[in-house]
Amino acid sequence: MSPLIAWAVALFLYVLPLLHVVFSPKMGPWRLPIASKCPFSPRAGWLVIILLTGIFGWFGFIRALKRLQSQQRSTQRKT
C-alpha cells in the first residue's frame, strides 16, 4: 500500500469523524450541564468515544443524532 493511500484511509476513517463531532452544531454544548455527575460534556464524551473506537464510535454518534432529532420532532408535535 502506498503512503498516499494509507494517509487517505487514516483521514477518512479517523480524522473526518473527529472533525464532524467538533463542528456539529446539533450535538450540544462543550460545557457540562449543571447537575451532571459525568466528568465530560456531551461533545467531549463523544470525542473520547471516537478517539477510542474510531469509525464505530462515529456510527454511534450518527445514530444518537438521529435519535435526538426524532425525539425533538415528537415533542414539537405534542405541543
PDB file of N, CA and C in Angstrom:
ATOM      1  N   MET A   1       0.851  -1.162   0.000  1.00  0.00           N
ATOM      2  CA  MET A   1       0.000   0.000   0.000  1.00  0.00           C
ATOM      3  C   MET A   1       0.905   1.234   0.000  1.00  0.00           C
ATOM      4  N   SER A   2       0.553   2.164  -0.837  1.00  0.00           N
ATOM      5  CA  SER A   2       1.356   3.378  -0.928  1.00  0.00           C
ATOM      6  C   SER A   2       1.060   4.282   0.273  1.00  0.00           C
ATOM      7  N   PRO A   3       1.989   5.164   0.614  1.00  0.00           N
ATOM      8  CA  PRO A   3       1.760   6.080   1.740  1.00  0.00           C
ATOM      9  C   PRO A   3       0.561   7.007   1.509  1.00  0.00           C
ATOM     10  N   LEU A   4       0.307   7.363   0.271  1.00  0.00           N
ATOM     11  CA  LEU A   4      -0.824   8.233  -0.026  1.00  0.00           C
ATOM     12  C   LEU A   4      -2.152   7.553   0.305  1.00  0.00           C
ATOM     13  N   ILE A   5      -2.268   6.286  -0.033  1.00  0.00           N
ATOM     14  CA  ILE A   5      -3.492   5.540   0.280  1.00  0.00           C
ATOM     15  C   ILE A   5      -3.641   5.368   1.786  1.00  0.00           C
ATOM     16  N   ALA A   6      -2.539   5.107   2.476  1.00  0.00           N
ATOM     17  CA  ALA A   6      -2.595   4.956   3.927  1.00  0.00           C
ATOM     18  C   ALA A   6      -3.045   6.248   4.599  1.00  0.00           C
ATOM     19  N   TRP A   7      -2.535   7.389   4.147  1.00  0.00           N
ATOM     20  CA  TRP A   7      -2.962   8.678   4.714  1.00  0.00           C
ATOM     21  C   TRP A   7      -4.426   8.969   4.398  1.00  0.00           C
ATOM     22  N   ALA A   8      -4.854   8.597   3.212  1.00  0.00           N
ATOM     23  CA  ALA A   8      -6.256   8.819   2.847  1.00  0.00           C
ATOM     24  C   ALA A   8      -7.188   7.977   3.722  1.00  0.00           C
ATOM     25  N   VAL A   9      -6.823   6.744   3.972  1.00  0.00           N
ATOM     26  CA  VAL A   9      -7.624   5.882   4.842  1.00  0.00           C
ATOM     27  C   VAL A   9      -7.664   6.454   6.255  1.00  0.00           C
ATOM     28  N   ALA A  10      -6.516   6.883   6.766  1.00  0.00           N
ATOM     29  CA  ALA A  10      -6.476   7.474   8.108  1.00  0.00           C
ATOM     30  C   ALA A  10      -7.319   8.742   8.174  1.00  0.00           C
ATOM     31  N   LEU A  11      -7.284   9.539   7.127  1.00  0.00           N
ATOM     32  CA  LEU A  11      -8.055  10.783   7.106  1.00  0.00           C
ATOM     33  C   LEU A  11      -9.548  10.497   7.103  1.00  0.00           C
ATOM     34  N   PHE A  12      -9.996   9.606   6.244  1.00  0.00           N
ATOM     35  CA  PHE A  12     -11.419   9.345   6.102  1.00  0.00           C
ATOM     36  C   PHE A  12     -12.005   8.538   7.254  1.00  0.00           C
ATOM     37  N   LEU A  13     -11.227   7.672   7.863  1.00  0.00           N
ATOM     38  CA  LEU A  13     -11.779   6.812   8.902  1.00  0.00           C
ATOM     39  C   LEU A  13     -11.528   7.314  10.320  1.00  0.00           C
ATOM     40  N   TYR A  14     -10.668   8.317  10.482  1.00  0.00           N
ATOM     41  CA  TYR A  14     -10.334   8.746  11.829  1.00  0.00           C
ATOM     42  C   TYR A  14     -10.447  10.250  12.023  1.00  0.00           C
ATOM     43  N   VAL A  15      -9.850  11.023  11.156  1.00  0.00           N
ATOM     44  CA  VAL A  15      -9.801  12.476  11.334  1.00  0.00           C
ATOM     45  C   VAL A  15     -11.135  13.134  10.977  1.00  0.00           C
ATOM     46  N   LEU A  16     -11.747  12.751   9.873  1.00  0.00           N
ATOM     47  CA  LEU A  16     -13.013  13.365   9.479  1.00  0.00           C
ATOM     48  C   LEU A  16     -14.138  13.121  10.483  1.00  0.00           C
ATOM     49  N   PRO A  17     -14.279  11.921  11.056  1.00  0.00           N
ATOM     50  CA  PRO A  17     -15.296  11.773  12.103  1.00  0.00           C
ATOM     51  C   PRO A  17     -15.034  12.674  13.319  1.00  0.00           C
ATOM     52  N   LEU A  18     -13.773  12.840  13.689  1.00  0.00           N
ATOM     53  CA  LEU A  18     -13.456  13.742  14.801  1.00  0.00           C
ATOM     54  C   LEU A  18     -13.840  15.177  14.475  1.00  0.00           C
ATOM     55  N   LEU A  19     -13.544  15.600  13.276  1.00  0.00           N
ATOM     56  CA  LEU A  19     -13.907  16.960  12.867  1.00  0.00           C
ATOM     57  C   LEU A  19     -15.424  17.130  12.807  1.00  0.00           C
ATOM     58  N   HIS A  20     -16.137  16.094  12.410  1.00  0.00           N
ATOM     59  CA  HIS A  20     -17.590  16.172  12.363  1.00  0.00           C
ATOM     60  C   HIS A  20     -18.157  16.408  13.770  1.00  0.00           C
ATOM     61  N   VAL A  21     -17.622  15.722  14.768  1.00  0.00           N
ATOM     62  CA  VAL A  21     -18.091  15.910  16.136  1.00  0.00           C
ATOM     63  C   VAL A  21     -17.727  17.299  16.648  1.00  0.00           C
ATOM     64  N   VAL A  22     -16.544  17.766  16.332  1.00  0.00           N
ATOM     65  CA  VAL A  22     -16.104  19.080  16.816  1.00  0.00           C
ATOM     66  C   VAL A  22     -16.973  20.194  16.250  1.00  0.00           C
ATOM     67  N   PHE A  23     -17.325  20.118  14.989  1.00  0.00           N
ATOM     68  CA  PHE A  23     -18.044  21.218  14.350  1.00  0.00           C
ATOM     69  C   PHE A  23     -19.544  20.987  14.186  1.00  0.00           C
ATOM     70  N   SER A  24     -20.079  19.894  14.717  1.00  0.00           N
ATOM     71  CA  SER A  24     -21.510  19.638  14.598  1.00  0.00           C
ATOM     72  C   SER A  24     -22.281  20.561  15.537  1.00  0.00           C
ATOM     73  N   PRO A  25     -23.148  21.419  15.007  1.00  0.00           N
ATOM     74  CA  PRO A  25     -23.876  22.352  15.871  1.00  0.00           C
ATOM     75  C   PRO A  25     -25.017  21.698  16.644  1.00  0.00           C
ATOM     76  N   LYS A  26     -25.403  20.492  16.271  1.00  0.00           N
ATOM     77  CA  LYS A  26     -26.573  19.853  16.875  1.00  0.00           C
ATOM     78  C   LYS A  26     -26.242  18.974  18.079  1.00  0.00           C
ATOM     79  N   MET A  27     -24.999  18.791  18.404  1.00  0.00           N
ATOM     80  CA  MET A  27     -24.665  17.790  19.407  1.00  0.00           C
ATOM     81  C   MET A  27     -24.601  18.304  20.825  1.00  0.00           C
ATOM     82  N   GLY A  28     -24.755  19.542  21.065  1.00  0.00           N
ATOM     83  CA  GLY A  28     -24.770  20.015  22.435  1.00  0.00           C
ATOM     84  C   GLY A  28     -23.571  20.879  22.764  1.00  0.00           C
ATOM     85  N   PRO A  29     -23.555  21.369  23.990  1.00  0.00           N
ATOM     86  CA  PRO A  29     -22.521  22.321  24.390  1.00  0.00           C
ATOM     87  C   PRO A  29     -21.204  21.644  24.761  1.00  0.00           C
ATOM     88  N   TRP A  30     -20.170  22.460  24.851  1.00  0.00           N
ATOM     89  CA  TRP A  30     -18.882  21.986  25.330  1.00  0.00           C
ATOM     90  C   TRP A  30     -18.848  21.964  26.850  1.00  0.00           C
ATOM     91  N   ARG A  31     -19.706  22.767  27.482  1.00  0.00           N
ATOM     92  CA  ARG A  31     -19.737  22.851  28.943  1.00  0.00           C
ATOM     93  C   ARG A  31     -20.594  21.729  29.521  1.00  0.00           C
ATOM     94  N   LEU A  32     -20.304  21.413  30.778  1.00  0.00           N
ATOM     95  CA  LEU A  32     -21.092  20.402  31.475  1.00  0.00           C
ATOM     96  C   LEU A  32     -22.462  20.941  31.848  1.00  0.00           C
ATOM     97  N   PRO A  33     -23.483  20.101  31.797  1.00  0.00           N
ATOM     98  CA  PRO A  33     -24.775  20.506  32.360  1.00  0.00           C
ATOM     99  C   PRO A  33     -24.623  20.748  33.868  1.00  0.00           C
ATOM    100  N   ILE A  34     -25.475  21.561  34.431  1.00  0.00           N
ATOM    101  CA  ILE A  34     -25.319  21.992  35.820  1.00  0.00           C
ATOM    102  C   ILE A  34     -25.354  20.820  36.808  1.00  0.00           C
ATOM    103  N   ALA A  35     -26.298  19.926  36.674  1.00  0.00           N
ATOM    104  CA  ALA A  35     -26.453  18.828  37.634  1.00  0.00           C
ATOM    105  C   ALA A  35     -25.751  17.548  37.189  1.00  0.00           C
ATOM    106  N   SER A  36     -24.779  17.653  36.335  1.00  0.00           N
ATOM    107  CA  SER A  36     -24.134  16.469  35.784  1.00  0.00           C
ATOM    108  C   SER A  36     -23.109  15.888  36.753  1.00  0.00           C
ATOM    109  N   LYS A  37     -23.052  14.565  36.814  1.00  0.00           N
ATOM    110  CA  LYS A  37     -22.037  13.880  37.604  1.00  0.00           C
ATOM    111  C   LYS A  37     -20.935  13.315  36.721  1.00  0.00           C
ATOM    112  N   CYS A  38     -21.096  13.456  35.432  1.00  0.00           N
ATOM    113  CA  CYS A  38     -20.120  12.959  34.461  1.00  0.00           C
ATOM    114  C   CYS A  38     -18.977  13.971  34.326  1.00  0.00           C
ATOM    115  N   PRO A  39     -17.741  13.524  34.190  1.00  0.00           N
ATOM    116  CA  PRO A  39     -16.634  14.466  34.056  1.00  0.00           C
ATOM    117  C   PRO A  39     -16.505  15.107  32.674  1.00  0.00           C
ATOM    118  N   PHE A  40     -17.283  14.626  31.704  1.00  0.00           N
ATOM    119  CA  PHE A  40     -17.190  15.149  30.347  1.00  0.00           C
ATOM    120  C   PHE A  40     -18.505  15.791  29.932  1.00  0.00           C
ATOM    121  N   SER A  41     -18.393  16.808  29.087  1.00  0.00           N
ATOM    122  CA  SER A  41     -19.600  17.354  28.464  1.00  0.00           C
ATOM    123  C   SER A  41     -20.040  16.381  27.373  1.00  0.00           C
ATOM    124  N   PRO A  42     -21.260  16.534  26.841  1.00  0.00           N
ATOM    125  CA  PRO A  42     -21.702  15.591  25.808  1.00  0.00           C
ATOM    126  C   PRO A  42     -20.763  15.540  24.600  1.00  0.00           C
ATOM    127  N   ARG A  43     -20.320  16.685  24.160  1.00  0.00           N
ATOM    128  CA  ARG A  43     -19.465  16.716  22.974  1.00  0.00           C
ATOM    129  C   ARG A  43     -18.080  16.137  23.271  1.00  0.00           C
ATOM    130  N   ALA A  44     -17.528  16.472  24.421  1.00  0.00           N
ATOM    131  CA  ALA A  44     -16.218  15.919  24.789  1.00  0.00           C
ATOM    132  C   ALA A  44     -16.306  14.410  24.982  1.00  0.00           C
ATOM    133  N   GLY A  45     -17.420  13.939  25.507  1.00  0.00           N
ATOM    134  CA  GLY A  45     -17.608  12.498  25.655  1.00  0.00           C
ATOM    135  C   GLY A  45     -17.606  11.783  24.317  1.00  0.00           C
ATOM    136  N   TRP A  46     -18.293  12.374  23.332  1.00  0.00           N
ATOM    137  CA  TRP A  46     -18.285  11.762  22.000  1.00  0.00           C
ATOM    138  C   TRP A  46     -16.897  11.789  21.389  1.00  0.00           C
ATOM    139  N   LEU A  47     -16.123  12.837  21.650  1.00  0.00           N
ATOM    140  CA  LEU A  47     -14.750  12.872  21.133  1.00  0.00           C
ATOM    141  C   LEU A  47     -13.921  11.735  21.720  1.00  0.00           C
ATOM    142  N   VAL A  48     -14.074  11.488  23.006  1.00  0.00           N
ATOM    143  CA  VAL A  48     -13.340  10.396  23.642  1.00  0.00           C
ATOM    144  C   VAL A  48     -13.766   9.057  23.050  1.00  0.00           C
ATOM    145  N   ILE A  49     -15.072   8.873  22.862  1.00  0.00           N
ATOM    146  CA  ILE A  49     -15.561   7.622  22.283  1.00  0.00           C
ATOM    147  C   ILE A  49     -14.978   7.409  20.888  1.00  0.00           C
ATOM    148  N   ILE A  50     -14.951   8.454  20.073  1.00  0.00           N
ATOM    149  CA  ILE A  50     -14.429   8.310  18.713  1.00  0.00           C
ATOM    150  C   ILE A  50     -12.918   8.131  18.717  1.00  0.00           C
ATOM    151  N   LEU A  51     -12.223   8.768  19.646  1.00  0.00           N
ATOM    152  CA  LEU A  51     -10.783   8.549  19.744  1.00  0.00           C
ATOM    153  C   LEU A  51     -10.461   7.095  20.073  1.00  0.00           C
ATOM    154  N   LEU A  52     -11.292   6.477  20.908  1.00  0.00           N
ATOM    155  CA  LEU A  52     -11.012   5.105  21.325  1.00  0.00           C
ATOM    156  C   LEU A  52     -11.522   4.059  20.339  1.00  0.00           C
ATOM    157  N   THR A  53     -12.646   4.330  19.686  1.00  0.00           N
ATOM    158  CA  THR A  53     -13.243   3.295  18.836  1.00  0.00           C
ATOM    159  C   THR A  53     -13.203   3.615  17.351  1.00  0.00           C
ATOM    160  N   GLY A  54     -12.804   4.827  16.988  1.00  0.00           N
ATOM    161  CA  GLY A  54     -12.676   5.180  15.581  1.00  0.00           C
ATOM    162  C   GLY A  54     -14.004   5.298  14.867  1.00  0.00           C
ATOM    163  N   ILE A  55     -14.099   4.690  13.712  1.00  0.00           N
ATOM    164  CA  ILE A  55     -15.265   4.820  12.851  1.00  0.00           C
ATOM    165  C   ILE A  55     -16.521   4.241  13.502  1.00  0.00           C
ATOM    166  N   PHE A  56     -16.368   3.238  14.372  1.00  0.00           N
ATOM    167  CA  PHE A  56     -17.530   2.642  15.029  1.00  0.00           C
ATOM    168  C   PHE A  56     -18.155   3.615  16.029  1.00  0.00           C
ATOM    169  N   GLY A  57     -17.330   4.393  16.685  1.00  0.00           N
ATOM    170  CA  GLY A  57     -17.850   5.435  17.565  1.00  0.00           C
ATOM    171  C   GLY A  57     -18.576   6.506  16.785  1.00  0.00           C
ATOM    172  N   TRP A  58     -18.087   6.791  15.597  1.00  0.00           N
ATOM    173  CA  TRP A  58     -18.746   7.789  14.756  1.00  0.00           C
ATOM    174  C   TRP A  58     -20.124   7.298  14.307  1.00  0.00           C
ATOM    175  N   PHE A  59     -20.221   6.007  14.007  1.00  0.00           N
ATOM    176  CA  PHE A  59     -21.532   5.447  13.659  1.00  0.00           C
ATOM    177  C   PHE A  59     -22.501   5.586  14.840  1.00  0.00           C
ATOM    178  N   GLY A  60     -22.005   5.393  16.045  1.00  0.00           N
ATOM    179  CA  GLY A  60     -22.835   5.601  17.224  1.00  0.00           C
ATOM    180  C   GLY A  60     -23.256   7.052  17.374  1.00  0.00           C
ATOM    181  N   PHE A  61     -22.358   7.968  17.040  1.00  0.00           N
ATOM    182  CA  PHE A  61     -22.662   9.396  17.088  1.00  0.00           C
ATOM    183  C   PHE A  61     -23.765   9.742  16.095  1.00  0.00           C
ATOM    184  N   ILE A  62     -23.679   9.213  14.897  1.00  0.00           N
ATOM    185  CA  ILE A  62     -24.703   9.460  13.880  1.00  0.00           C
ATOM    186  C   ILE A  62     -26.049   8.909  14.355  1.00  0.00           C
ATOM    187  N   ARG A  63     -26.030   7.733  14.937  1.00  0.00           N
ATOM    188  CA  ARG A  63     -27.268   7.138  15.440  1.00  0.00           C
ATOM    189  C   ARG A  63     -27.865   7.992  16.566  1.00  0.00           C
ATOM    190  N   ALA A  64     -27.024   8.506  17.446  1.00  0.00           N
ATOM    191  CA  ALA A  64     -27.514   9.350  18.538  1.00  0.00           C
ATOM    192  C   ALA A  64     -28.101  10.651  17.994  1.00  0.00           C
ATOM    193  N   LEU A  65     -27.497  11.206  16.954  1.00  0.00           N
ATOM    194  CA  LEU A  65     -28.045  12.418  16.345  1.00  0.00           C
ATOM    195  C   LEU A  65     -29.432  12.162  15.767  1.00  0.00           C
ATOM    196  N   LYS A  66     -29.594  11.043  15.083  1.00  0.00           N
ATOM    197  CA  LYS A  66     -30.901  10.714  14.506  1.00  0.00           C
ATOM    198  C   LYS A  66     -31.935  10.505  15.602  1.00  0.00           C
ATOM    199  N   ARG A  67     -31.552   9.844  16.676  1.00  0.00           N
ATOM    200  CA  ARG A  67     -32.469   9.619  17.787  1.00  0.00           C
ATOM    201  C   ARG A  67     -32.846  10.954  18.444  1.00  0.00           C
ATOM    202  N   LEU A  68     -31.894  11.844  18.616  1.00  0.00           N
ATOM    203  CA  LEU A  68     -32.150  13.156  19.201  1.00  0.00           C
ATOM    204  C   LEU A  68     -33.096  13.973  18.326  1.00  0.00           C
ATOM    205  N   GLN A  69     -32.891  13.937  17.021  1.00  0.00           N
ATOM    206  CA  GLN A  69     -33.764  14.665  16.103  1.00  0.00           C
ATOM    207  C   GLN A  69     -35.182  14.106  16.117  1.00  0.00           C
ATOM    208  N   SER A  70     -35.325  12.778  16.196  1.00  0.00           N
ATOM    209  CA  SER A  70     -36.667  12.200  16.222  1.00  0.00           C
ATOM    210  C   SER A  70     -37.381  12.536  17.528  1.00  0.00           C
ATOM    211  N   GLN A  71     -36.656  12.599  18.634  1.00  0.00           N
ATOM    212  CA  GLN A  71     -37.261  12.994  19.902  1.00  0.00           C
ATOM    213  C   GLN A  71     -37.709  14.453  19.861  1.00  0.00           C
ATOM    214  N   GLN A  72     -36.899  15.313  19.247  1.00  0.00           N
ATOM    215  CA  GLN A  72     -37.270  16.715  19.147  1.00  0.00           C
ATOM    216  C   GLN A  72     -38.507  16.886  18.279  1.00  0.00           C
ATOM    217  N   ARG A  73     -38.616  16.130  17.199  1.00  0.00           N
ATOM    218  CA  ARG A  73     -39.795  16.206  16.337  1.00  0.00           C
ATOM    219  C   ARG A  73     -41.054  15.727  17.069  1.00  0.00           C
ATOM    220  N   SER A  74     -40.920  14.669  17.860  1.00  0.00           N
ATOM    221  CA  SER A  74     -42.095  14.146  18.556  1.00  0.00           C
ATOM    222  C   SER A  74     -42.552  15.096  19.659  1.00  0.00           C
ATOM    223  N   THR A  75     -41.620  15.792  20.316  1.00  0.00           N
ATOM    224  CA  THR A  75     -42.044  16.753  21.339  1.00  0.00           C
ATOM    225  C   THR A  75     -42.652  18.017  20.698  1.00  0.00           C
ATOM    226  N   GLN A  76     -42.226  18.372  19.506  1.00  0.00           N
ATOM    227  CA  GLN A  76     -42.809  19.515  18.822  1.00  0.00           C
ATOM    228  C   GLN A  76     -44.228  19.198  18.373  1.00  0.00           C
ATOM    229  N   ARG A  77     -44.489  17.969  18.007  1.00  0.00           N
ATOM    230  CA  ARG A  77     -45.840  17.582  17.559  1.00  0.00           C
ATOM    231  C   ARG A  77     -46.818  17.573  18.732  1.00  0.00           C
ATOM    232  N   LYS A  78     -46.348  17.256  19.936  1.00  0.00           N
ATOM    233  CA  LYS A  78     -47.220  17.199  21.089  1.00  0.00           C
ATOM    234  C   LYS A  78     -47.656  18.576  21.561  1.00  0.00           C
ATOM    235  N   THR A  79     -46.853  19.587  21.313  1.00  0.00           N
ATOM    236  CA  THR A  79     -47.208  20.938  21.769  1.00  0.00           C
ATOM    237  C   THR A  79     -48.035  21.677  20.763  1.00  0.00           C
TER     238      THR A  79
END
